[in-house]
C-alpha atoms as a PDB file:
ATOM      1  CA  MET A   1     -74.941   1.333  -7.617  1.00  0.00           C
ATOM      2  CA  GLU A   2     -71.356   1.278  -6.285  1.00  0.00           C
ATOM      3  CA  TYR A   3     -69.037   4.127  -7.333  1.00  0.00           C
ATOM      4  CA  GLU A   4     -66.501   1.745  -8.908  1.00  0.00           C
ATOM      5  CA  LYS A   5     -69.211   0.156 -11.047  1.00  0.00           C
ATOM      6  CA  ILE A   6     -70.344   3.587 -12.257  1.00  0.00           C
ATOM      7  CA  ILE A   7     -66.767   4.425 -13.284  1.00  0.00           C
ATOM      8  CA  ASP A   8     -66.470   1.063 -15.111  1.00  0.00           C
ATOM      9  CA  LEU A   9     -69.754   1.781 -16.893  1.00  0.00           C
ATOM     10  CA  ILE A  10     -68.497   5.201 -18.015  1.00  0.00           C
ATOM     11  CA  HIS A  11     -65.321   3.584 -19.395  1.00  0.00           C
ATOM     12  CA  GLU A  12     -67.341   1.045 -21.373  1.00  0.00           C
ATOM     13  CA  ILE A  13     -69.667   3.652 -22.901  1.00  0.00           C
ATOM     14  CA  GLU A  14     -66.768   6.030 -23.581  1.00  0.00           C
ATOM     15  CA  SER A  15     -65.022   3.402 -25.726  1.00  0.00           C
ATOM     16  CA  SER A  16     -68.215   2.324 -27.520  1.00  0.00           C
ATOM     17  CA  SER A  17     -70.331   3.875 -30.269  1.00  0.00           C
ATOM     18  CA  ILE A  18     -73.239   4.450 -27.846  1.00  0.00           C
ATOM     19  CA  THR A  19     -74.257   8.124 -27.704  1.00  0.00           C
ATOM     20  CA  ASP A  20     -77.204   7.998 -25.276  1.00  0.00           C
ATOM     21  CA  PHE A  21     -77.629   5.653 -22.286  1.00  0.00           C
ATOM     22  CA  ALA A  22     -80.102   5.470 -19.390  1.00  0.00           C
ATOM     23  CA  LEU A  23     -80.454   2.962 -16.547  1.00  0.00           C
ATOM     24  CA  GLN A  24     -83.043   2.817 -13.749  1.00  0.00           C
ATOM     25  CA  LYS A  25     -83.146   0.367 -10.851  1.00  0.00           C
ATOM     26  CA  GLY A  26     -85.634   1.176  -8.138  1.00  0.00           C
ATOM     27  CA  GLU A  27     -85.061   4.762  -7.027  1.00  0.00           C
ATOM     28  CA  PHE A  28     -81.609   4.841  -8.629  1.00  0.00           C
ATOM     29  CA  ARG A  29     -81.349   6.356 -12.113  1.00  0.00           C
ATOM     30  CA  ILE A  30     -78.348   7.255 -14.264  1.00  0.00           C
ATOM     31  CA  SER A  31     -78.441   8.943 -17.661  1.00  0.00           C
ATOM     32  CA  ILE A  32     -75.368   9.441 -19.858  1.00  0.00           C
ATOM     33  CA  LYS A  33     -75.209  11.311 -23.146  1.00  0.00           C
ATOM     34  CA  LYS A  34     -72.090  11.846 -25.258  1.00  0.00           C
ATOM     35  CA  GLU A  35     -71.334  15.332 -26.448  1.00  0.00           C
ATOM     36  CA  GLY A  36     -70.444  15.856 -30.090  1.00  0.00           C
ATOM     37  CA  THR A  37     -66.750  16.195 -30.827  1.00  0.00           C
ATOM     38  CA  LYS A  38     -65.376  19.589 -31.715  1.00  0.00           C
ATOM     39  CA  GLU A  39     -63.234  20.302 -34.716  1.00  0.00           C
ATOM     40  CA  PRO A  40     -59.669  21.149 -33.678  1.00  0.00           C
ATOM     41  CA  LYS A  41     -58.510  24.709 -34.111  1.00  0.00           C
ATOM     42  CA  ALA A  42     -56.861  25.337 -37.455  1.00  0.00           C
ATOM     43  CA  GLU A  43     -53.244  26.440 -37.526  1.00  0.00           C
ATOM     44  CA  ASP A  44     -52.005  28.853 -40.191  1.00  0.00           C
ATOM     45  CA  ASP A  45     -48.713  27.041 -40.700  1.00  0.00           C
ATOM     46  CA  ARG A  46     -47.254  23.618 -40.084  1.00  0.00           C
ATOM     47  CA  THR A  47     -44.423  25.154 -38.066  1.00  0.00           C
ATOM     48  CA  ILE A  48     -45.384  26.414 -34.615  1.00  0.00           C
ATOM     49  CA  ASP A  49     -43.852  29.339 -32.735  1.00  0.00           C
ATOM     50  CA  ILE A  50     -43.368  27.559 -29.400  1.00  0.00           C
ATOM     51  CA  GLU A  51     -42.590  30.721 -27.423  1.00  0.00           C
ATOM     52  CA  GLU A  52     -45.707  32.465 -28.694  1.00  0.00           C
ATOM     53  CA  ARG A  53     -47.911  29.441 -27.959  1.00  0.00           C
ATOM     54  CA  GLY A  54     -46.384  29.134 -24.503  1.00  0.00           C
ATOM     55  CA  ASN A  55     -47.452  32.692 -23.643  1.00  0.00           C
ATOM     56  CA  ARG A  56     -51.096  32.204 -24.566  1.00  0.00           C
ATOM     57  CA  LYS A  57     -53.654  32.116 -21.778  1.00  0.00           C
ATOM     58  CA  ARG A  58     -54.503  28.531 -20.800  1.00  0.00           C
ATOM     59  CA  GLU A  59     -58.078  27.574 -20.047  1.00  0.00           C
ATOM     60  CA  THR A  60     -57.467  23.965 -19.060  1.00  0.00           C
ATOM     61  CA  GLN A  61     -54.767  22.506 -16.872  1.00  0.00           C
ATOM     62  CA  GLU A  62     -52.780  19.318 -16.521  1.00  0.00           C
ATOM     63  CA  GLN A  63     -54.211  15.841 -16.081  1.00  0.00           C
ATOM     64  CA  ASP A  64     -51.161  14.197 -14.499  1.00  0.00           C
ATOM     65  CA  VAL A  65     -49.175  16.059 -11.851  1.00  0.00           C
ATOM     66  CA  LEU A  66     -45.729  15.101 -10.589  1.00  0.00           C
ATOM     67  CA  ILE A  67     -44.776  16.036  -7.044  1.00  0.00           C
ATOM     68  CA  GLU A  68     -41.263  16.310  -5.668  1.00  0.00           C
ATOM     69  CA  GLU A  69     -40.906  12.754  -4.391  1.00  0.00           C
ATOM     70  CA  GLY A  70     -41.713  11.394  -7.851  1.00  0.00           C
ATOM     71  CA  THR A  71     -45.290  10.334  -7.081  1.00  0.00           C
ATOM     72  CA  MET A  72     -47.672  10.624 -10.020  1.00  0.00           C
ATOM     73  CA  ILE A  73     -51.161  11.846  -9.197  1.00  0.00           C
ATOM     74  CA  ARG A  74     -53.382  10.222 -11.783  1.00  0.00           C
ATOM     75  CA  SER A  75     -56.951  10.978 -12.771  1.00  0.00           C
ATOM     76  CA  PRO A  76     -59.564   8.312 -11.923  1.00  0.00           C
ATOM     77  CA  LEU A  77     -60.516   8.033 -15.610  1.00  0.00           C
ATOM     78  CA  VAL A  78     -59.886   9.543 -19.035  1.00  0.00           C
ATOM     79  CA  GLY A  79     -61.617  12.867 -19.642  1.00  0.00           C
ATOM     80  CA  VAL A  80     -61.193  16.647 -19.647  1.00  0.00           C
ATOM     81  CA  PHE A  81     -59.439  18.053 -16.586  1.00  0.00           C
ATOM     82  CA  HIS A  82     -60.875  21.145 -14.872  1.00  0.00           C
ATOM     83  CA  ALA A  83     -58.339  22.561 -12.420  1.00  0.00           C
ATOM     84  CA  ALA A  84     -59.375  23.779  -8.992  1.00  0.00           C
ATOM     85  CA  LYS A  85     -59.146  27.588  -8.843  1.00  0.00           C
ATOM     86  CA  THR A  86     -57.982  30.013  -6.161  1.00  0.00           C
ATOM     87  CA  GLN A  87     -60.125  32.979  -5.067  1.00  0.00           C
ATOM     88  CA  ASP A  88     -58.246  35.049  -7.645  1.00  0.00           C
ATOM     89  CA  GLY A  89     -59.229  32.632 -10.407  1.00  0.00           C
ATOM     90  CA  GLU A  90     -55.744  31.146 -10.799  1.00  0.00           C
ATOM     91  CA  ALA A  91     -55.174  27.395 -11.070  1.00  0.00           C
ATOM     92  CA  GLN A  92     -54.105  25.748  -7.808  1.00  0.00           C
ATOM     93  CA  VAL A  93     -52.098  23.158  -9.731  1.00  0.00           C
ATOM     94  CA  ALA A  94     -48.940  24.845 -11.020  1.00  0.00           C
ATOM     95  CA  ILE A  95     -45.220  24.203 -10.818  1.00  0.00           C
ATOM     96  CA  GLY A  96     -44.031  25.206  -7.352  1.00  0.00           C
ATOM     97  CA  SER A  97     -47.459  24.914  -5.720  1.00  0.00           C
ATOM     98  CA  HIS A  98     -47.665  23.148  -2.337  1.00  0.00           C
ATOM     99  CA  ILE A  99     -50.153  20.261  -2.326  1.00  0.00           C
ATOM    100  CA  ASP A 100     -51.640  18.677   0.822  1.00  0.00           C
ATOM    101  CA  GLU A 101     -52.671  15.041   1.075  1.00  0.00           C
ATOM    102  CA  GLY A 102     -56.381  14.712   0.323  1.00  0.00           C
ATOM    103  CA  GLN A 103     -56.542  18.084  -1.424  1.00  0.00           C
ATOM    104  CA  ILE A 104     -58.884  18.241  -4.399  1.00  0.00           C
ATOM    105  CA  LEU A 105     -56.793  19.359  -7.365  1.00  0.00           C
ATOM    106  CA  GLY A 106     -59.643  19.508  -9.827  1.00  0.00           C
ATOM    107  CA  ALA A 107     -62.176  17.299 -11.535  1.00  0.00           C
ATOM    108  CA  ILE A 108     -62.267  15.039 -14.584  1.00  0.00           C
ATOM    109  CA  GLU A 109     -65.295  15.548 -16.818  1.00  0.00           C
ATOM    110  CA  ALA A 110     -66.418  12.410 -18.639  1.00  0.00           C
ATOM    111  CA  MET A 111     -69.858  11.825 -20.093  1.00  0.00           C
ATOM    112  CA  LYS A 112     -71.075  15.010 -18.296  1.00  0.00           C
ATOM    113  CA  LEU A 113     -70.136  13.537 -14.917  1.00  0.00           C
ATOM    114  CA  MET A 114     -67.471  15.174 -12.717  1.00  0.00           C
ATOM    115  CA  ASN A 115     -64.952  13.044 -10.786  1.00  0.00           C
ATOM    116  CA  ASP A 116     -62.585  14.587  -8.236  1.00  0.00           C
ATOM    117  CA  VAL A 117     -58.810  14.250  -8.648  1.00  0.00           C
ATOM    118  CA  VAL A 118     -57.345  14.030  -5.137  1.00  0.00           C
ATOM    119  CA  ALA A 119     -53.708  14.297  -4.008  1.00  0.00           C
ATOM    120  CA  ALA A 120     -52.540  10.972  -2.578  1.00  0.00           C
ATOM    121  CA  CYS A 121     -49.787  12.652  -0.530  1.00  0.00           C
ATOM    122  CA  SER A 122     -48.342  16.049   0.342  1.00  0.00           C
ATOM    123  CA  GLY A 123     -45.587  17.732  -1.607  1.00  0.00           C
ATOM    124  CA  THR A 124     -44.649  20.373  -4.137  1.00  0.00           C
ATOM    125  CA  VAL A 125     -45.600  20.270  -7.814  1.00  0.00           C
ATOM    126  CA  ALA A 126     -42.294  19.743  -9.616  1.00  0.00           C
ATOM    127  CA  GLU A 127     -43.406  19.205 -13.198  1.00  0.00           C
ATOM    128  CA  VAL A 128     -46.375  18.955 -15.537  1.00  0.00           C
ATOM    129  CA  LEU A 129     -45.792  16.559 -18.423  1.00  0.00           C
ATOM    130  CA  VAL A 130     -48.161  18.052 -21.025  1.00  0.00           C
ATOM    131  CA  LYS A 131     -50.007  21.364 -20.953  1.00  0.00           C
ATOM    132  CA  ASP A 132     -52.082  23.445 -23.353  1.00  0.00           C
ATOM    133  CA  GLY A 133     -50.040  25.015 -26.122  1.00  0.00           C
ATOM    134  CA  ASP A 134     -47.438  22.246 -26.227  1.00  0.00           C
ATOM    135  CA  PHE A 135     -46.135  21.004 -29.562  1.00  0.00           C
ATOM    136  CA  VAL A 136     -45.543  17.293 -28.929  1.00  0.00           C
ATOM    137  CA  TYR A 137     -43.698  14.479 -30.684  1.00  0.00           C
ATOM    138  CA  ILE A 138     -45.027  10.969 -29.945  1.00  0.00           C
ATOM    139  CA  ASP A 139     -42.869   8.080 -31.064  1.00  0.00           C
ATOM    140  CA  ALA A 140     -44.213   4.925 -32.700  1.00  0.00           C
ATOM    141  CA  GLY A 141     -44.613   1.926 -30.418  1.00  0.00           C
ATOM    142  CA  THR A 142     -47.061   0.299 -28.027  1.00  0.00           C
ATOM    143  CA  THR A 143     -45.868   2.106 -24.878  1.00  0.00           C
ATOM    144  CA  CYS A 144     -46.157   5.604 -26.325  1.00  0.00           C
ATOM    145  CA  TYR A 145     -49.515   4.602 -27.816  1.00  0.00           C
ATOM    146  CA  GLU A 146     -50.905   4.115 -24.301  1.00  0.00           C
ATOM    147  CA  ILE A 147     -50.311   7.733 -23.233  1.00  0.00           C
ATOM    148  CA  ILE A 148     -52.540   9.207 -25.962  1.00  0.00           C
ATOM    149  CA  PRO A 149     -55.927   9.019 -24.133  1.00  0.00           C
ATOM    150  CA  PHE A 150     -54.452  11.109 -21.307  1.00  0.00           C
ATOM    151  CA  LEU A 151     -53.898  13.982 -23.746  1.00  0.00           C
ATOM    152  CA  ARG A 152     -57.598  14.336 -24.468  1.00  0.00           C
ATOM    153  CA  GLY A 153     -59.030  17.809 -23.945  1.00  0.00           C
ATOM    154  CA  LYS A 154     -55.681  19.576 -24.297  1.00  0.00           C
ATOM    155  CA  ASP A 155     -55.020  22.333 -26.837  1.00  0.00           C
ATOM    156  CA  ILE A 156     -51.901  20.755 -28.347  1.00  0.00           C
ATOM    157  CA  VAL A 157     -50.462  19.726 -31.696  1.00  0.00           C
ATOM    158  CA  VAL A 158     -48.902  16.268 -32.092  1.00  0.00           C
ATOM    159  CA  VAL A 159     -46.437  14.992 -34.677  1.00  0.00           C
ATOM    160  CA  THR A 160     -45.900  11.226 -34.892  1.00  0.00           C
ATOM    161  CA  ASN A 161     -44.262   8.543 -37.009  1.00  0.00           C
ATOM    162  CA  GLY A 162     -46.656   5.851 -35.772  1.00  0.00           C
ATOM    163  CA  ILE A 163     -49.527   4.816 -38.023  1.00  0.00           C
ATOM    164  CA  HIS A 164     -51.276   3.165 -35.057  1.00  0.00           C
ATOM    165  CA  ASN A 165     -51.044   6.456 -33.147  1.00  0.00           C
ATOM    166  CA  VAL A 166     -52.950   8.453 -35.754  1.00  0.00           C
ATOM    167  CA  ASP A 167     -56.399   6.898 -35.289  1.00  0.00           C
ATOM    168  CA  ARG A 168     -56.164   7.141 -31.513  1.00  0.00           C
ATOM    169  CA  LEU A 169     -55.039  10.770 -31.643  1.00  0.00           C
ATOM    170  CA  LEU A 170     -57.926  11.689 -33.934  1.00  0.00           C
ATOM    171  CA  GLU A 171     -60.399   9.768 -31.763  1.00  0.00           C
ATOM    172  CA  ASN A 172     -59.304  12.031 -28.908  1.00  0.00           C
ATOM    173  CA  ASN A 173     -59.760  15.151 -31.050  1.00  0.00           C
ATOM    174  CA  ILE A 174     -56.046  16.031 -31.101  1.00  0.00           C
ATOM    175  CA  LYS A 175     -54.616  17.887 -34.084  1.00  0.00           C
ATOM    176  CA  THR A 176     -52.143  15.469 -35.666  1.00  0.00           C
ATOM    177  CA  TYR A 177     -49.375  15.445 -38.263  1.00  0.00           C
ATOM    178  CA  ILE A 178     -47.931  12.179 -39.609  1.00  0.00           C
ATOM    179  CA  LEU A 179     -44.339  12.091 -40.843  1.00  0.00           C
ATOM    180  CA  GLY A 180     -43.720  10.736 -44.341  1.00  0.00           C
ATOM    181  CA  GLY A 181     -41.530   7.765 -45.270  1.00  0.00           C
ATOM    182  CA  TYR A 182     -41.463   3.984 -45.514  1.00  0.00           C
ATOM    183  CA  VAL A 183     -43.978   2.111 -43.316  1.00  0.00           C
ATOM    184  CA  LYS A 184     -42.672  -1.004 -41.542  1.00  0.00           C
ATOM    185  CA  PRO A 185     -45.273  -3.757 -42.144  1.00  0.00           C
ATOM    186  CA  LEU A 186     -45.151  -5.240 -38.630  1.00  0.00           C
ATOM    187  CA  THR A 187     -44.947  -2.220 -36.303  1.00  0.00           C
ATOM    188  CA  LYS A 188     -46.526   0.366 -38.656  1.00  0.00           C
ATOM    189  CA  ALA A 189     -43.692   2.762 -37.774  1.00  0.00           C
ATOM    190  CA  VAL A 190     -42.728   5.257 -40.490  1.00  0.00           C
ATOM    191  CA  ILE A 191     -38.959   5.229 -41.021  1.00  0.00           C
ATOM    192  CA  GLY A 192     -36.300   6.361 -43.524  1.00  0.00           C
ATOM    193  CA  GLU A 193     -34.368   9.481 -44.482  1.00  0.00           C
ATOM    194  CA  GLU A 194     -37.626  11.186 -45.475  1.00  0.00           C
ATOM    195  CA  VAL A 195     -38.674  11.157 -41.821  1.00  0.00           C
ATOM    196  CA  ILE A 196     -35.413  12.806 -40.760  1.00  0.00           C
ATOM    197  CA  LEU A 197     -35.930  15.540 -43.363  1.00  0.00           C
ATOM    198  CA  ASP A 198     -39.559  15.986 -42.315  1.00  0.00           C
ATOM    199  CA  LEU A 199     -38.550  16.387 -38.668  1.00  0.00           C
ATOM    200  CA  GLY A 200     -36.369  19.288 -39.730  1.00  0.00           C
ATOM    201  CA  LYS A 201     -39.505  21.411 -40.111  1.00  0.00           C
ATOM    202  CA  TYR A 202     -40.421  21.182 -36.437  1.00  0.00           C
ATOM    203  CA  ARG A 203     -39.415  22.188 -32.931  1.00  0.00           C
ATOM    204  CA  PHE A 204     -41.109  20.415 -30.011  1.00  0.00           C
ATOM    205  CA  THR A 205     -41.777  21.476 -26.447  1.00  0.00           C
ATOM    206  CA  LYS A 206     -42.168  17.818 -25.392  1.00  0.00           C
ATOM    207  CA  ALA A 207     -41.212  14.453 -26.891  1.00  0.00           C
ATOM    208  CA  PHE A 208     -42.229  10.962 -25.781  1.00  0.00           C
ATOM    209  CA  ILE A 209     -39.824   8.304 -27.024  1.00  0.00           C
ATOM    210  CA  GLY A 210     -39.934   4.501 -26.876  1.00  0.00           C
ATOM    211  CA  ALA A 211     -36.887   2.288 -26.244  1.00  0.00           C
ATOM    212  CA  ASN A 212     -35.977  -1.397 -26.052  1.00  0.00           C
ATOM    213  CA  GLY A 213     -32.986  -1.191 -23.746  1.00  0.00           C
ATOM    214  CA  ILE A 214     -31.806   1.012 -20.866  1.00  0.00           C
ATOM    215  CA  SER A 215     -28.458   0.306 -19.257  1.00  0.00           C
ATOM    216  CA  ALA A 216     -25.812   2.161 -17.280  1.00  0.00           C
ATOM    217  CA  ASN A 217     -23.056   1.317 -19.772  1.00  0.00           C
ATOM    218  CA  SER A 218     -24.844   1.588 -23.120  1.00  0.00           C
ATOM    219  CA  SER A 219     -27.468   4.225 -22.265  1.00  0.00           C
ATOM    220  CA  ILE A 220     -30.723   4.001 -24.279  1.00  0.00           C
ATOM    221  CA  THR A 221     -30.944   1.669 -27.264  1.00  0.00           C
ATOM    222  CA  THR A 222     -33.253   0.113 -29.865  1.00  0.00           C
ATOM    223  CA  PRO A 223     -32.752  -2.736 -32.415  1.00  0.00           C
ATOM    224  CA  ASP A 224     -33.354  -0.733 -35.632  1.00  0.00           C
ATOM    225  CA  ILE A 225     -30.681   1.795 -36.665  1.00  0.00           C
ATOM    226  CA  SER A 226     -33.171   3.761 -38.785  1.00  0.00           C
ATOM    227  CA  GLU A 227     -35.580   4.088 -35.858  1.00  0.00           C
ATOM    228  CA  ALA A 228     -32.684   5.052 -33.577  1.00  0.00           C
ATOM    229  CA  ASN A 229     -31.731   7.897 -35.928  1.00  0.00           C
ATOM    230  CA  ILE A 230     -35.335   9.165 -35.996  1.00  0.00           C
ATOM    231  CA  LYS A 231     -35.638   9.042 -32.213  1.00  0.00           C
ATOM    232  CA  ALA A 232     -32.309  10.853 -31.838  1.00  0.00           C
ATOM    233  CA  GLU A 233     -33.392  13.582 -34.274  1.00  0.00           C
ATOM    234  CA  ALA A 234     -36.684  14.079 -32.421  1.00  0.00           C
ATOM    235  CA  ILE A 235     -34.751  14.374 -29.152  1.00  0.00           C
ATOM    236  CA  ARG A 236     -32.450  17.034 -30.642  1.00  0.00           C
ATOM    237  CA  ARG A 237     -35.489  19.066 -31.662  1.00  0.00           C
ATOM    238  CA  SER A 238     -37.296  18.848 -28.302  1.00  0.00           C
ATOM    239  CA  LYS A 239     -37.034  21.000 -25.203  1.00  0.00           C
ATOM    240  CA  ASP A 240     -38.106  18.258 -22.759  1.00  0.00           C
ATOM    241  CA  VAL A 241     -37.762  14.555 -23.553  1.00  0.00           C
ATOM    242  CA  TYR A 242     -39.352  11.583 -21.802  1.00  0.00           C
ATOM    243  CA  VAL A 243     -38.440   7.991 -22.591  1.00  0.00           C
ATOM    244  CA  VAL A 244     -41.550   5.919 -21.841  1.00  0.00           C
ATOM    245  CA  THR A 245     -40.748   2.316 -20.994  1.00  0.00           C
ATOM    246  CA  ASP A 246     -41.725  -0.600 -18.762  1.00  0.00           C
ATOM    247  CA  SER A 247     -39.557  -2.263 -16.147  1.00  0.00           C
ATOM    248  CA  SER A 248     -38.527  -5.131 -18.434  1.00  0.00           C
ATOM    249  CA  LYS A 249     -36.306  -2.830 -20.516  1.00  0.00           C
ATOM    250  CA  PHE A 250     -33.858  -2.001 -17.696  1.00  0.00           C
ATOM    251  CA  GLY A 251     -30.542  -3.816 -17.919  1.00  0.00           C
ATOM    252  CA  LYS A 252     -31.073  -4.697 -21.585  1.00  0.00           C
ATOM    253  CA  VAL A 253     -28.970  -3.518 -24.528  1.00  0.00           C
ATOM    254  CA  SER A 254     -30.077  -3.359 -28.178  1.00  0.00           C
ATOM    255  CA  PHE A 255     -28.052  -2.834 -31.347  1.00  0.00           C
ATOM    256  CA  ALA A 256     -28.421   0.918 -31.982  1.00  0.00           C
ATOM    257  CA  LYS A 257     -27.861   3.718 -29.486  1.00  0.00           C
ATOM    258  CA  ILE A 258     -30.530   6.436 -29.274  1.00  0.00           C
ATOM    259  CA  CYS A 259     -29.025   8.828 -26.726  1.00  0.00           C
ATOM    260  CA  ASP A 260     -27.231   9.149 -23.401  1.00  0.00           C
ATOM    261  CA  LEU A 261     -29.091   8.874 -20.108  1.00  0.00           C
ATOM    262  CA  ASP A 262     -28.534  12.511 -19.160  1.00  0.00           C
ATOM    263  CA  GLU A 263     -30.369  13.746 -22.275  1.00  0.00           C
ATOM    264  CA  VAL A 264     -33.791  12.494 -21.124  1.00  0.00           C
ATOM    265  CA  SER A 265     -36.097  11.732 -18.216  1.00  0.00           C
ATOM    266  CA  ILE A 266     -37.504   8.200 -17.945  1.00  0.00           C
ATOM    267  CA  VAL A 267     -41.186   7.479 -17.251  1.00  0.00           C
ATOM    268  CA  THR A 268     -41.577   3.881 -16.092  1.00  0.00           C
ATOM    269  CA  ASP A 269     -43.471   1.458 -13.874  1.00  0.00           C
ATOM    270  CA  ALA A 270     -40.159   0.236 -12.442  1.00  0.00           C
ATOM    271  CA  LYS A 271     -39.489   0.970  -8.777  1.00  0.00           C
ATOM    272  CA  LYS A 272     -36.399   3.060  -8.082  1.00  0.00           C
ATOM    273  CA  GLU A 273     -35.237   0.473  -5.542  1.00  0.00           C
ATOM    274  CA  VAL A 274     -34.647  -2.116  -8.303  1.00  0.00           C
ATOM    275  CA  ILE A 275     -33.021   0.220 -10.850  1.00  0.00           C
ATOM    276  CA  ASP A 276     -29.231   0.244 -11.229  1.00  0.00           C
ATOM    277  CA  LYS A 277     -27.842   3.080  -9.083  1.00  0.00           C
ATOM    278  CA  ARG A 278     -25.661   4.213 -11.987  1.00  0.00           C
ATOM    279  CA  ILE A 279     -28.800   4.853 -14.035  1.00  0.00           C
ATOM    280  CA  LEU A 280     -30.367   6.821 -11.164  1.00  0.00           C
ATOM    281  CA  GLU A 281     -27.226   8.966 -10.951  1.00  0.00           C
ATOM    282  CA  ASN A 282     -27.379   9.938 -14.629  1.00  0.00           C
ATOM    283  CA  THR A 283     -31.067  10.497 -15.353  1.00  0.00           C
ATOM    284  CA  ARG A 284     -34.328  11.417 -13.666  1.00  0.00           C
ATOM    285  CA  ILE A 285     -36.798   8.588 -13.069  1.00  0.00           C
ATOM    286  CA  ILE A 286     -40.537   9.317 -12.969  1.00  0.00           C
ATOM    287  CA  SER A 287     -42.188   6.249 -11.461  1.00  0.00           C
ATOM    288  CA  VAL A 288     -45.827   5.516 -12.273  1.00  0.00           C
ATOM    289  CA  GLU A 289     -48.058   2.605 -11.338  1.00  0.00           C
END
């Protein structure tokens, strides 16, 4: 069986309710069995001491790695990342590490099968988006929703105002808090002053924010003033902020301003060559495919 077909098969079983699968064709045989999910570690309090969590020893490492030129090294599938180790037992993938093209950075474990994660080019690791111990805010919206499977296997805590996000976070065994307030019927986003007050309890190491417009003159915007206020409050309470958006949002302006360009980094599928130079001068663009 071709490698690509095996990967597709793993994806299909991963997203299904099947727990045990076996296939034999001639001398070829594959057997896949899902492991039971583990209960997330309990936290004593809803508020998290970020500095203390950041100093804890990490057993797993990052799934997506950004090198200096802005190239994202992505895993071949969703799973638990096991970082390649040095002879001293330290992870090879760390900020400041030199990476050679073709170097094996680690392996993704899915359905008890290991799949290598290989560097597509040479460079230096500049940033890791999410790591163990992070306290993360994930905004409501379809774009932020899509990043959730890539957080699987990480020892993190997530706070969100997206009802749609909750099921997916729990499916990936991620400890989750939902903010309280009024639920918008169409988008299932939780909004209102109650959300602002609830956010006051938290401090985040990372925040992933959605937006409807990104422009050089009007910065980052969204149509709903209530949602804009919530996004802005989450940004104020976060150490590192990433606006996650697709290429169609560049050059557009919505009613309510969220923040200035220099307050965030932008993760997008847009190529830098087609982005307004004034935007590039005022924020950092992380291009992904």
